[in-house]
Protein backbone atom coordinates (compact mmCIF):
# COMPACT_ATOMS: atom_id res chain seq x y z
CA GLN A 1 48.67 95.89 122.98
CA VAL A 2 46.97 98.59 120.92
CA GLN A 3 46.97 98.84 117.16
CA LEU A 4 46.41 102.28 115.65
CA VAL A 5 45.65 103.03 112.01
CA GLU A 6 45.50 106.60 110.73
CA SER A 7 43.63 107.69 107.62
CA GLY A 8 42.37 110.83 105.97
CA GLY A 9 45.59 112.41 104.84
CA GLY A 10 46.09 113.84 101.38
CA LEU A 11 46.87 116.87 99.28
CA VAL A 12 44.96 120.08 99.96
CA GLN A 13 45.36 123.72 99.04
CA ALA A 14 46.22 126.31 101.63
CA GLY A 15 43.11 127.41 103.47
CA GLY A 16 41.47 124.04 103.00
CA SER A 17 40.44 121.39 105.49
CA LEU A 18 41.10 117.74 106.22
CA ARG A 19 39.88 115.37 108.89
CA LEU A 20 42.23 112.68 110.08
CA SER A 21 40.97 109.55 111.76
CA CYS A 22 42.77 107.09 113.98
CA ALA A 23 41.09 103.75 114.49
CA ALA A 24 42.19 101.73 117.49
CA SER A 25 41.95 98.04 118.22
CA GLY A 26 43.25 95.90 121.03
CA ARG A 27 42.97 96.93 124.65
CA THR A 28 40.10 99.11 125.81
CA PHE A 29 40.31 102.32 123.80
CA SER A 30 38.34 104.33 126.33
CA SER A 31 41.08 103.86 128.93
CA SER A 32 43.72 105.49 126.70
CA ASN A 33 44.64 109.13 126.57
CA MET A 34 45.42 109.97 122.93
CA GLY A 35 47.68 112.35 121.11
CA TRP A 36 48.43 113.59 117.61
CA PHE A 37 51.97 114.38 116.51
CA ARG A 38 53.50 115.34 113.20
CA GLN A 39 56.89 115.19 111.55
CA ALA A 40 57.89 117.38 108.65
CA PRO A 41 60.80 116.48 106.36
CA GLY A 42 64.11 117.17 108.06
CA LYS A 43 62.46 118.08 111.35
CA GLU A 44 61.84 116.32 114.63
CA ARG A 45 58.44 114.95 115.49
CA GLU A 46 56.34 117.54 117.31
CA PHE A 47 53.23 117.57 119.44
CA VAL A 48 50.00 118.73 117.78
CA ALA A 49 47.05 117.92 120.05
CA ALA A 50 45.97 115.64 122.87
CA ILE A 51 42.70 114.43 124.29
CA SER A 52 42.02 112.72 127.57
CA ARG A 53 40.45 109.30 127.83
CA SER A 54 36.91 110.63 128.32
CA GLY A 55 37.31 113.43 125.79
CA ARG A 56 36.59 116.09 128.40
CA ILE A 57 40.07 117.61 128.28
CA THR A 58 41.91 118.72 125.15
CA TYR A 59 45.16 120.57 124.58
CA TYR A 60 46.81 122.04 121.48
CA ALA A 61 50.15 123.25 120.32
CA ASP A 62 50.17 127.01 119.85
CA SER A 63 50.83 126.57 116.13
CA VAL A 64 47.46 124.86 115.57
CA LYS A 65 45.29 126.39 118.27
CA GLY A 66 42.09 127.79 116.82
CA ARG A 67 42.51 125.85 113.57
CA PHE A 68 42.62 122.20 114.64
CA THR A 69 40.13 120.30 116.78
CA VAL A 70 40.75 116.92 118.39
CA SER A 71 37.82 114.70 119.33
CA ARG A 72 37.09 111.07 120.00
CA ASP A 73 34.25 108.60 119.77
CA ASN A 74 34.84 105.86 122.31
CA ALA A 75 31.94 103.83 120.95
CA LYS A 76 33.75 103.68 117.61
CA ASN A 77 37.26 103.36 119.07
CA THR A 78 38.31 106.33 116.97
CA VAL A 79 40.03 109.64 117.55
CA TYR A 80 39.81 112.50 115.04
CA LEU A 81 41.80 115.56 114.12
CA GLN A 82 39.80 118.17 112.24
CA MET A 83 42.22 120.52 110.50
CA ASN A 84 40.93 123.81 109.12
CA SER A 85 42.64 126.83 107.57
CA LEU A 86 45.57 124.65 106.61
CA LYS A 87 48.91 126.26 105.86
CA PRO A 88 51.90 124.96 103.89
CA GLU A 89 53.80 124.67 107.17
CA ASP A 90 51.27 122.05 108.30
CA THR A 91 52.72 119.68 105.70
CA ALA A 92 53.96 116.60 107.55
CA VAL A 93 53.31 112.97 108.35
CA TYR A 94 50.71 112.89 111.11
CA TYR A 95 50.77 110.20 113.76
CA CYS A 96 48.31 109.26 116.45
CA ALA A 97 49.47 107.76 119.71
CA ALA A 98 47.96 106.09 122.77
CA ASP A 99 49.27 105.89 126.28
CA LYS A 100 49.07 103.07 128.81
CA CYS A 101 47.75 105.20 131.63
CA GLY A 102 44.30 104.50 133.01
CA LEU A 103 43.87 107.97 134.48
CA GLU A 104 42.30 111.04 132.88
CA TYR A 105 45.36 112.88 131.61
CA ILE A 106 46.84 115.09 128.92
CA ARG A 107 50.27 114.12 127.60
CA ILE A 108 52.35 116.29 125.27
CA ASP A 109 55.66 114.42 125.40
CA GLU A 110 56.01 111.70 122.78
CA TYR A 111 57.93 109.54 125.25
CA ASP A 112 54.80 109.25 127.40
CA TYR A 113 53.00 107.39 124.61
CA ALA A 114 53.35 103.64 124.26
CA TYR A 115 51.57 102.91 121.00
CA TRP A 116 51.86 104.60 117.61
CA GLY A 117 50.20 104.39 114.25
CA GLN A 118 52.06 104.23 110.96
CA GLY A 119 51.25 107.81 110.04
CA THR A 120 49.32 109.54 107.28
CA GLN A 121 50.78 112.13 104.94
CA VAL A 122 49.32 115.63 104.75
CA ILE A 123 50.54 117.97 102.04
CA VAL A 124 49.34 121.56 101.92
CA SER A 125 50.10 123.40 98.70
CA SER A 126 50.46 127.15 98.53
């Protein structure tokens, strides 16, 4: 079992930055490939970014590429999402997720993730 707790959300003006954190406890964090997803009001949850278990491989949704950066610190059992040049359309609840796979992998489908955090709200004002 893995427990995930997101933090770092809040209210920011367009063009601003936020850094989300996701702290993991439970099974060995370094064996989990991680992902970030978001869900805006009235919309389905969508993929944002993913990072492989070692951190060597990352992948981004086109909508955030060049603005968001995903990273991880396996010594701290934490994954981060640095969000720059925020836009009002980035407003959503952001979730981190962990898979069960022990291989180095990138996953973009939410159904491939076994563990989820409770989410953190990000609001970008125009």
